[in-house]
Every structure is written in structure tokens, then in C-alpha cells.
């Protein structure tokens, strides 16, 4: 028996048993032989107990209970947004590795405080930005980083969720818990995708227009951002799409080519004419879709980093992301363009 096979599983505690925990974290982590989900927590104890029983989780604690457990090596934080910062910092200070669902914190200053806590603790900090682990995103990022699309000048992206009748509001519609509406919910990942594809250029100015419906928070937002290098980003998000399915799309435009996804489509100028250079994409095992497969890859990297098998960069770019989000809210509120140096 090798030393690798003798290694004990990573002991994980999951804070919050909402949708992403039910669909992603509990099913995927509980099936891994190198992970032992030892505890879950949620204000709704009955739901936590039911999910714990379904996935064989032995203990149901409060958030504090999980963080106080010495045998919990890693905390997966899936609570409402307003708790991300404080719980992540506490977990890191208690020597635990941390995976936080997006956003990492509700403000740029909050993100920096979490980053500082991670640096002081020496523990790994990850954010649930699963789109970064999609093969199509990786392929397009490689084309952009290699300069094969020429000089970039525009990126257009949208994340549009179908309108779904609701019996009542959830924490996502309450500004004190969510920090905002559709922009904080859908805008954080789609803006991160647009910036990630283009190497996270420094953003100079931001303009935003919101649509507010019956809830206290915005149900739709259009954001226009311009980088210091002149790339124009146009991003649209909405909880109010009237269509058969949700729509998520991103296109990158350059002087020598363009690329879009999904599906992945890349064309560049060869011999004076545009040619299709789209690489073949691997098929996810078992017919798994992009969303679940990308989360599986994210969790695999998290476990590999925690067990010392690989390294992962610190998510320092999340400071700029939340600066852009804050500037968008200020722009919508004040009805003017915001220069980040002033925001």
C-alpha cells in the first residue's frame, strides 16, 4: 500500500444547505473517497438534518459549531452573501482551508480583509467561480492570452435567467443579506468571466442602468465598463427573461479574430480571410453539463490544494471585481459615469 493510499480523507464542514449545496457540494464531495463531509449547518435545522441523512453526514451544527471543530480541516461557505466575509475570516483564523461561494465578500474592502486573513493563516482560499474551470473558457482564454485574436477592443456578455413565479422573497431579494439584486447574483460571475477571459485588465470607468421591479433590489442591470487599455465591456444581467431557457453568452472581439461561448466558436484571420479555428472540446463524463462539470473540476482543485498536491493562485483580482460592482451601483444610483479612482 502506498503512502498516497494511506492518506486520510480531507474533513470538510459545509455552512449552508441551500441550492448550490444540494446540487453541487454535498453530492460531489460526499462521493469522493478523499473527502469526508463531517458536518453541515443551516438555520433551517430540519432541512440540514434531512440533507445530512441523505448524504450520510454524521453531525448537524451551527456555523460556529463547525468552525469550532478542530477536526474540520476545510470549510465550504454557502451562506447568504452578508456572512461570507466574517465566516471566511473566522475559518481562516481557526486554521481551516476555505472555499467561499461567490461573492467572496460584498465589498472590495471586505475582500481585502479576507485576503489578509488568508495570508496571515497560511491556509488556502478559493472562490466558487466555477466558469473558470470550463474547458471552453480555458480554450478561449488561451487564444486571447496568446495574442491570436489581435488587440482586444470589445467584450459583450450576458447572464439572463427566466422569470420564475415565486411564492415569496428569499434572502437574494433582501439587500441587507444579498448586497444587491441581479447584479450581485448574476453579475459577479459574468463580469468575472469577461475580465478573466481578457486577463483582468485594469478598469478605468463604469456606467450602469438598473431596472427595479417589485422587490427592493434590481431585477435587471446593464453595465458598461472601459479598461485603461481601451477594451469596452458590455454586460447585461436579468432575473426577468421571457424565454424557454436561461441565456448565458460571452463574445470577445479582437483586431485579428473573435471568440464566443457557449458553444465555443473561434474565428481568426488566416491568409487574409476569417477561418474557423475552434478546437475540439472534451465531453464531460456521463453526459454531465457545463455547470456541474466545471464545479467538479473546481472542487477537485480545491481538494488537491488542501492535500498539498498542487498550488493555486490567491484570488486577489476579486478586489477589482467588487470595485467594479460598487461603481456600477453608484452609477445607477447617481445616474452618471463613475471613474474608479473616484469610487
Protein backbone atom coordinates (compact mmCIF):
# COMPACT_ATOMS: atom_id res chain seq x y z
CA UNK A 1 0.00 0.00 0.00
CA UNK A 2 1.42 3.38 -0.99
CA UNK A 3 1.67 6.46 1.21
CA UNK A 4 -0.82 8.11 -1.12
CA UNK A 5 -3.45 5.44 -0.50
CA UNK A 6 -2.93 5.68 3.27
CA UNK A 7 -3.63 9.43 3.37
CA UNK A 8 -6.68 10.30 5.46
CA UNK A 9 -9.63 11.97 3.71
CA UNK A 10 -9.97 15.75 3.95
CA UNK A 11 -12.55 16.51 6.67
CA UNK A 12 -14.98 19.12 5.37
CA UNK A 13 -17.73 21.13 7.02
CA UNK A 14 -20.37 22.82 4.83
CA UNK A 15 -22.01 26.00 6.09
CA UNK A 16 -25.42 26.50 4.48
CA UNK A 17 -27.53 23.89 2.69
CA UNK A 18 -29.21 25.98 0.00
CA UNK A 19 -29.47 25.16 -3.70
CA UNK A 20 -25.77 25.13 -4.56
CA UNK A 21 -25.01 22.84 -1.63
CA UNK A 22 -27.83 20.47 -2.57
CA UNK A 23 -26.96 20.36 -6.28
CA UNK A 24 -23.16 20.63 -6.13
CA UNK A 25 -21.25 20.47 -2.88
CA UNK A 26 -22.94 17.69 -0.95
CA UNK A 27 -23.38 15.26 -3.88
CA UNK A 28 -19.89 15.83 -5.27
CA UNK A 29 -17.92 15.95 -2.04
CA UNK A 30 -19.75 13.07 -0.38
CA UNK A 31 -18.96 10.73 -3.28
CA UNK A 32 -15.21 11.40 -3.14
CA UNK A 33 -13.07 8.79 -1.35
CA UNK A 34 -10.55 11.52 -0.45
CA UNK A 35 -13.16 13.69 1.31
CA UNK A 36 -15.19 13.12 4.45
CA UNK A 37 -18.08 15.58 4.91
CA UNK A 38 -18.25 15.52 8.70
CA UNK A 39 -20.79 18.27 9.39
CA UNK A 40 -23.30 20.68 7.84
CA UNK A 41 -25.05 23.74 9.26
CA UNK A 42 -28.08 25.81 8.37
CA UNK A 43 -30.62 28.00 10.20
CA UNK A 44 -33.25 25.54 8.97
CA UNK A 45 -32.26 22.58 11.16
CA UNK A 46 -34.88 20.26 9.71
CA UNK A 47 -33.56 20.79 6.19
CA UNK A 48 -29.98 20.34 7.38
CA UNK A 49 -30.91 17.10 9.15
CA UNK A 50 -32.77 15.75 6.10
CA UNK A 51 -29.86 16.51 3.78
CA UNK A 52 -27.37 15.18 6.29
CA UNK A 53 -29.26 11.91 6.47
CA UNK A 54 -29.49 11.68 2.67
CA UNK A 55 -25.74 12.10 2.17
CA UNK A 56 -24.51 10.35 5.28
CA UNK A 57 -23.28 13.43 7.13
CA UNK A 58 -22.94 12.45 10.80
CA UNK A 59 -23.26 15.83 12.52
CA UNK A 60 -25.54 18.89 12.26
CA UNK A 61 -24.05 22.01 13.84
CA UNK A 62 -24.42 25.77 13.80
CA UNK A 63 -21.97 27.76 11.69
CA UNK A 64 -19.98 28.49 14.85
CA UNK A 65 -20.12 24.84 15.81
CA UNK A 66 -18.44 23.78 12.58
CA UNK A 67 -15.75 26.46 12.86
CA UNK A 68 -15.07 25.41 16.47
CA UNK A 69 -14.49 21.78 15.48
CA UNK A 70 -10.77 21.05 15.44
CA UNK A 71 -11.22 18.03 13.18
CA UNK A 72 -12.76 20.14 10.38
CA UNK A 73 -9.88 20.87 8.02
CA UNK A 74 -11.79 22.79 5.34
CA UNK A 75 -14.93 24.93 5.40
CA UNK A 76 -17.21 25.37 2.38
CA UNK A 77 -19.23 28.55 2.92
CA UNK A 78 -22.59 28.66 1.12
CA UNK A 79 -24.47 31.10 3.33
CA UNK A 80 -26.16 34.39 2.34
CA UNK A 81 -23.68 36.92 0.99
CA UNK A 82 -23.58 39.11 4.09
CA UNK A 83 -21.99 36.27 6.09
CA UNK A 84 -19.26 35.32 3.60
CA UNK A 85 -16.63 37.74 4.85
CA UNK A 86 -16.98 37.17 8.59
CA UNK A 87 -17.27 33.39 8.34
CA UNK A 88 -14.34 33.13 5.92
CA UNK A 89 -12.12 35.22 8.17
CA UNK A 90 -13.09 33.25 11.26
CA UNK A 91 -12.49 29.94 9.49
CA UNK A 92 -9.08 31.06 8.27
CA UNK A 93 -8.11 32.35 11.71
CA UNK A 94 -9.02 28.94 13.11
CA UNK A 95 -6.61 27.31 10.68
CA UNK A 96 -9.09 25.94 8.15
CA UNK A 97 -8.85 25.99 4.38
CA UNK A 98 -11.80 27.87 2.90
CA UNK A 99 -13.95 27.71 -0.22
CA UNK A 100 -16.44 30.59 -0.38
CA UNK A 101 -19.32 30.79 -2.81
CA UNK A 102 -19.38 33.98 -4.87
CA UNK A 103 -19.06 36.80 -3.97
CA UNK A 104 -16.05 36.43 -1.70
CA UNK A 105 -17.32 39.49 0.23
CA UNK A 106 -19.87 42.21 -0.51
CA UNK A 107 -17.27 44.99 -0.84
CA UNK A 108 -13.74 45.39 -2.15
CA UNK A 109 -12.60 46.29 1.35
CA UNK A 110 -14.21 43.11 2.66
CA UNK A 111 -12.44 41.04 0.01
CA UNK A 112 -9.11 42.55 1.06
CA UNK A 113 -9.78 41.68 4.69
CA UNK A 114 -10.42 38.04 3.71
CA UNK A 115 -7.25 38.00 1.59
CA UNK A 116 -5.26 39.40 4.52
CA UNK A 117 -6.67 36.70 6.81
CA UNK A 118 -5.71 34.01 4.30
CA UNK A 119 -2.19 35.39 4.05
CA UNK A 120 -1.80 35.53 7.82
CA UNK A 121 -3.15 31.99 8.30
CA UNK A 122 -1.18 30.33 5.52
CA UNK A 123 -4.33 28.46 4.52
CA UNK A 124 -5.82 28.08 1.06
CA UNK A 125 -8.65 30.40 -0.01
CA UNK A 126 -10.83 29.66 -3.04
CA UNK A 127 -13.94 31.25 -4.56
CA UNK A 128 -16.77 29.35 -6.24
CA UNK A 129 -16.19 30.82 -9.70
CA UNK A 130 -16.80 27.56 -11.50
CA UNK A 131 -16.85 29.01 -15.03
CA UNK A 132 -13.07 29.33 -14.87
CA UNK A 133 -12.86 25.54 -14.90
CA UNK A 134 -14.89 25.03 -18.08
CA UNK A 135 -12.83 23.62 -20.99
CA UNK A 136 -14.41 26.08 -23.44
CA UNK A 137 -13.43 29.01 -21.24
CA UNK A 138 -9.90 27.64 -20.94
CA UNK A 139 -9.60 27.27 -24.70
CA UNK A 140 -10.80 30.81 -25.44
CA UNK A 141 -8.58 32.22 -22.68
CA UNK A 142 -5.57 30.53 -24.30
CA UNK A 143 -6.31 32.12 -27.68
CA UNK A 144 -6.66 35.55 -26.07
CA UNK A 145 -3.56 35.21 -23.90
CA UNK A 146 -1.51 34.07 -26.89
CA UNK A 147 -2.47 37.18 -28.84
CA UNK A 148 -4.11 35.11 -31.58
CA UNK A 149 -7.16 37.39 -31.72
CA UNK A 150 -5.03 40.52 -32.08
CA UNK A 151 -5.66 43.61 -29.99
CA UNK A 152 -8.85 43.25 -27.99
CA UNK A 153 -11.37 46.06 -28.25
CA UNK A 154 -14.75 44.74 -27.05
CA UNK A 155 -16.34 42.09 -24.87
CA UNK A 156 -20.07 41.52 -24.68
CA UNK A 157 -21.59 39.16 -22.12
CA UNK A 158 -24.98 38.39 -20.65
CA UNK A 159 -26.50 36.19 -17.98
CA UNK A 160 -30.27 36.15 -18.29
CA UNK A 161 -32.43 33.99 -16.03
CA UNK A 162 -36.00 33.13 -16.91
CA UNK A 163 -38.76 34.77 -14.94
CA UNK A 164 -39.99 32.24 -12.40
CA UNK A 165 -43.13 32.83 -10.29
CA UNK A 166 -42.20 32.92 -6.62
CA UNK A 167 -44.35 32.31 -3.58
CA UNK A 168 -42.26 34.75 -1.56
CA UNK A 169 -38.95 36.53 -1.36
CA UNK A 170 -35.69 34.84 -0.43
CA UNK A 171 -32.53 36.30 1.01
CA UNK A 172 -31.44 37.13 -2.56
CA UNK A 173 -34.20 39.76 -2.72
CA UNK A 174 -33.21 41.33 0.60
CA UNK A 175 -30.47 43.97 0.19
CA UNK A 176 -29.09 43.62 3.72
CA UNK A 177 -28.39 39.93 3.14
CA UNK A 178 -27.60 39.85 -0.59
CA UNK A 179 -25.92 43.23 -1.02
CA UNK A 180 -27.92 43.81 -4.21
CA UNK A 181 -30.10 42.05 -6.73
CA UNK A 182 -29.46 40.59 -10.17
CA UNK A 183 -26.08 42.33 -10.49
CA UNK A 184 -24.76 40.84 -7.25
CA UNK A 185 -26.28 37.44 -8.08
CA UNK A 186 -25.66 37.03 -11.82
CA UNK A 187 -23.33 39.96 -12.45
CA UNK A 188 -20.48 38.86 -10.18
CA UNK A 189 -19.80 35.62 -12.13
CA UNK A 190 -20.46 37.03 -15.62
CA UNK A 191 -18.26 40.08 -15.02
CA UNK A 192 -15.58 37.79 -13.61
CA UNK A 193 -15.83 35.66 -16.76
CA UNK A 194 -15.50 38.69 -19.06
CA UNK A 195 -12.49 40.00 -17.13
CA UNK A 196 -10.93 36.53 -16.70
CA UNK A 197 -11.05 35.86 -20.44
CA UNK A 198 -9.13 39.06 -21.09
CA UNK A 199 -6.52 38.80 -18.34
CA UNK A 200 -8.30 41.01 -15.83
CA UNK A 201 -7.36 44.39 -17.30
CA UNK A 202 -7.50 47.45 -15.05
CA UNK A 203 -10.94 49.07 -15.33
CA UNK A 204 -10.99 52.87 -15.62
CA UNK A 205 -14.66 53.82 -15.72
CA UNK A 206 -18.09 52.28 -15.25
CA UNK A 207 -21.68 53.18 -16.21
CA UNK A 208 -24.77 51.22 -15.19
CA UNK A 209 -28.53 51.32 -15.62
CA UNK A 210 -30.84 49.23 -13.41
CA UNK A 211 -34.41 48.06 -13.70
CA UNK A 212 -36.18 47.66 -10.35
CA UNK A 213 -39.45 45.78 -10.13
CA UNK A 214 -41.48 44.82 -7.08
CA UNK A 215 -38.51 43.78 -4.96
CA UNK A 216 -36.20 46.15 -3.09
CA UNK A 217 -33.29 45.15 -5.32
CA UNK A 218 -32.72 45.41 -9.06
CA UNK A 219 -34.15 42.68 -11.25
CA UNK A 220 -32.05 43.67 -14.28
CA UNK A 221 -28.87 45.64 -14.91
CA UNK A 222 -26.80 46.78 -17.87
CA UNK A 223 -23.18 47.65 -17.12
CA UNK A 224 -20.69 49.32 -19.45
CA UNK A 225 -17.05 49.33 -18.34
CA UNK A 226 -13.91 50.51 -20.11
CA UNK A 227 -10.40 49.32 -19.28
CA UNK A 228 -7.35 51.58 -19.16
CA UNK A 229 -6.19 49.87 -22.36
CA UNK A 230 -9.47 50.75 -24.13
CA UNK A 231 -11.38 47.44 -24.05
CA UNK A 232 -15.13 48.08 -23.87
CA UNK A 233 -17.11 45.63 -21.72
CA UNK A 234 -20.89 45.48 -22.10
CA UNK A 235 -22.63 43.18 -19.62
CA UNK A 236 -26.34 42.54 -19.20
CA UNK A 237 -27.99 40.54 -16.40
CA UNK A 238 -31.63 39.88 -15.59
CA UNK A 239 -33.92 37.75 -13.47
CA UNK A 240 -36.76 38.60 -15.82
CA UNK A 241 -36.10 36.87 -19.16
CA UNK A 242 -39.17 35.69 -21.05
CA UNK A 243 -37.84 32.66 -22.91
CA UNK A 244 -37.82 28.86 -22.84
CA UNK A 245 -34.39 28.61 -21.23
CA UNK A 246 -31.86 30.80 -19.41
CA UNK A 247 -29.33 32.52 -21.66
CA UNK A 248 -25.64 32.88 -20.84
CA UNK A 249 -23.24 34.11 -23.52
CA UNK A 250 -19.93 35.89 -23.95
CA UNK A 251 -18.14 37.20 -27.06
CA UNK A 252 -14.60 38.60 -27.27
CA UNK A 253 -13.70 40.83 -30.23
CA UNK A 254 -10.17 41.47 -31.46
CA UNK A 255 -8.47 43.04 -34.47
CA UNK A 256 -7.44 39.62 -35.84
CA UNK A 257 -10.27 37.38 -34.65
CA UNK A 258 -13.16 36.79 -32.28
CA UNK A 259 -14.40 34.08 -29.99
CA UNK A 260 -17.66 33.29 -28.26
CA UNK A 261 -19.20 30.74 -25.91
CA UNK A 262 -21.27 28.70 -25.40
CA UNK A 263 -20.93 26.92 -27.71
CA UNK A 264 -17.25 27.60 -28.24
CA UNK A 265 -16.67 29.32 -31.59
CA UNK A 266 -13.34 30.91 -32.54
CA UNK A 267 -12.50 32.55 -35.87
CA UNK A 268 -9.29 34.33 -36.75
CA UNK A 269 -7.75 35.87 -39.84
CA UNK A 270 -5.56 33.45 -41.78
CA UNK A 271 -4.31 34.24 -45.26
CA UNK A 272 -6.44 37.36 -45.41
CA UNK A 273 -9.74 35.64 -44.63
CA UNK A 274 -11.58 34.57 -41.45
CA UNK A 275 -11.14 30.89 -40.69
CA UNK A 276 -12.79 28.62 -38.12
CA UNK A 277 -10.06 27.56 -35.66
CA UNK A 278 -12.36 26.25 -32.91
CA UNK A 279 -10.59 23.40 -31.08
CA UNK A 280 -12.38 20.17 -30.24
CA UNK A 281 -13.83 20.09 -26.76
CA UNK A 282 -13.71 17.09 -24.40
CA UNK A 283 -17.03 15.56 -23.44
CA UNK A 284 -17.87 15.52 -19.76
CA UNK A 285 -18.16 12.08 -18.23
CA UNK A 286 -21.63 10.65 -18.02
CA UNK A 287 -23.08 13.41 -20.20
CA UNK A 288 -22.65 15.93 -17.38
CA UNK A 289 -23.41 19.54 -18.35
CA UNK A 290 -21.02 22.50 -18.26
CA UNK A 291 -22.26 23.76 -14.90
CA UNK A 292 -21.83 20.55 -12.92
CA UNK A 293 -18.65 19.50 -14.70
CA UNK A 294 -16.96 22.85 -14.06
CA UNK A 295 -17.88 22.65 -10.37
CA UNK A 296 -16.48 19.11 -10.24
CA UNK A 297 -13.18 20.46 -11.60
CA UNK A 298 -13.21 23.36 -9.13
CA UNK A 299 -13.76 21.03 -6.18
CA UNK A 300 -11.08 18.68 -7.46
CA UNK A 301 -8.55 21.51 -7.49
CA UNK A 302 -9.64 22.65 -4.01
CA UNK A 303 -9.09 19.16 -2.59
CA UNK A 304 -5.76 18.82 -4.41
CA UNK A 305 -4.53 22.13 -2.98
CA UNK A 306 -5.69 21.25 0.54
CA UNK A 307 -3.84 17.91 0.33
CA UNK A 308 -0.69 19.59 -0.96
CA UNK A 309 -0.75 18.06 -4.43
CA UNK A 310 -0.81 21.37 -6.27
CA UNK A 311 -0.79 25.13 -5.77
CA UNK A 312 -3.42 27.68 -6.66
CA UNK A 313 -3.19 31.47 -7.05
CA UNK A 314 -4.64 33.75 -4.39
CA UNK A 315 -7.85 35.37 -5.75
CA UNK A 316 -6.50 38.93 -5.48
CA UNK A 317 -8.44 40.04 -8.59
CA UNK A 318 -11.67 39.82 -6.58
CA UNK A 319 -10.80 43.22 -5.09
CA UNK A 320 -11.08 44.87 -8.51
CA UNK A 321 -14.21 42.88 -9.34
CA UNK A 322 -16.02 44.24 -6.29
CA UNK A 323 -14.72 47.75 -7.02
CA UNK A 324 -16.45 47.49 -10.41
CA UNK A 325 -19.63 46.15 -8.78
CA UNK A 326 -19.63 49.03 -6.29
CA UNK A 327 -19.05 51.55 -9.08
CA UNK A 328 -21.98 50.08 -11.03
CA UNK A 329 -24.32 50.50 -8.07
CA UNK A 330 -23.11 54.05 -7.56
CA UNK A 331 -23.53 54.85 -11.25
CA UNK A 332 -27.10 53.53 -11.29
CA UNK A 333 -27.92 55.46 -8.13
CA UNK A 334 -26.37 58.76 -9.25
CA UNK A 335 -27.14 58.49 -12.97
CA UNK A 336 -23.60 59.16 -14.15
CA UNK A 337 -20.35 57.55 -15.20
CA UNK A 338 -18.04 56.59 -12.34
CA UNK A 339 -14.26 56.74 -12.62
CA UNK A 340 -12.78 54.06 -10.39
CA UNK A 341 -10.21 56.44 -8.97
CA UNK A 342 -13.18 58.41 -7.58
CA UNK A 343 -15.33 55.49 -6.43
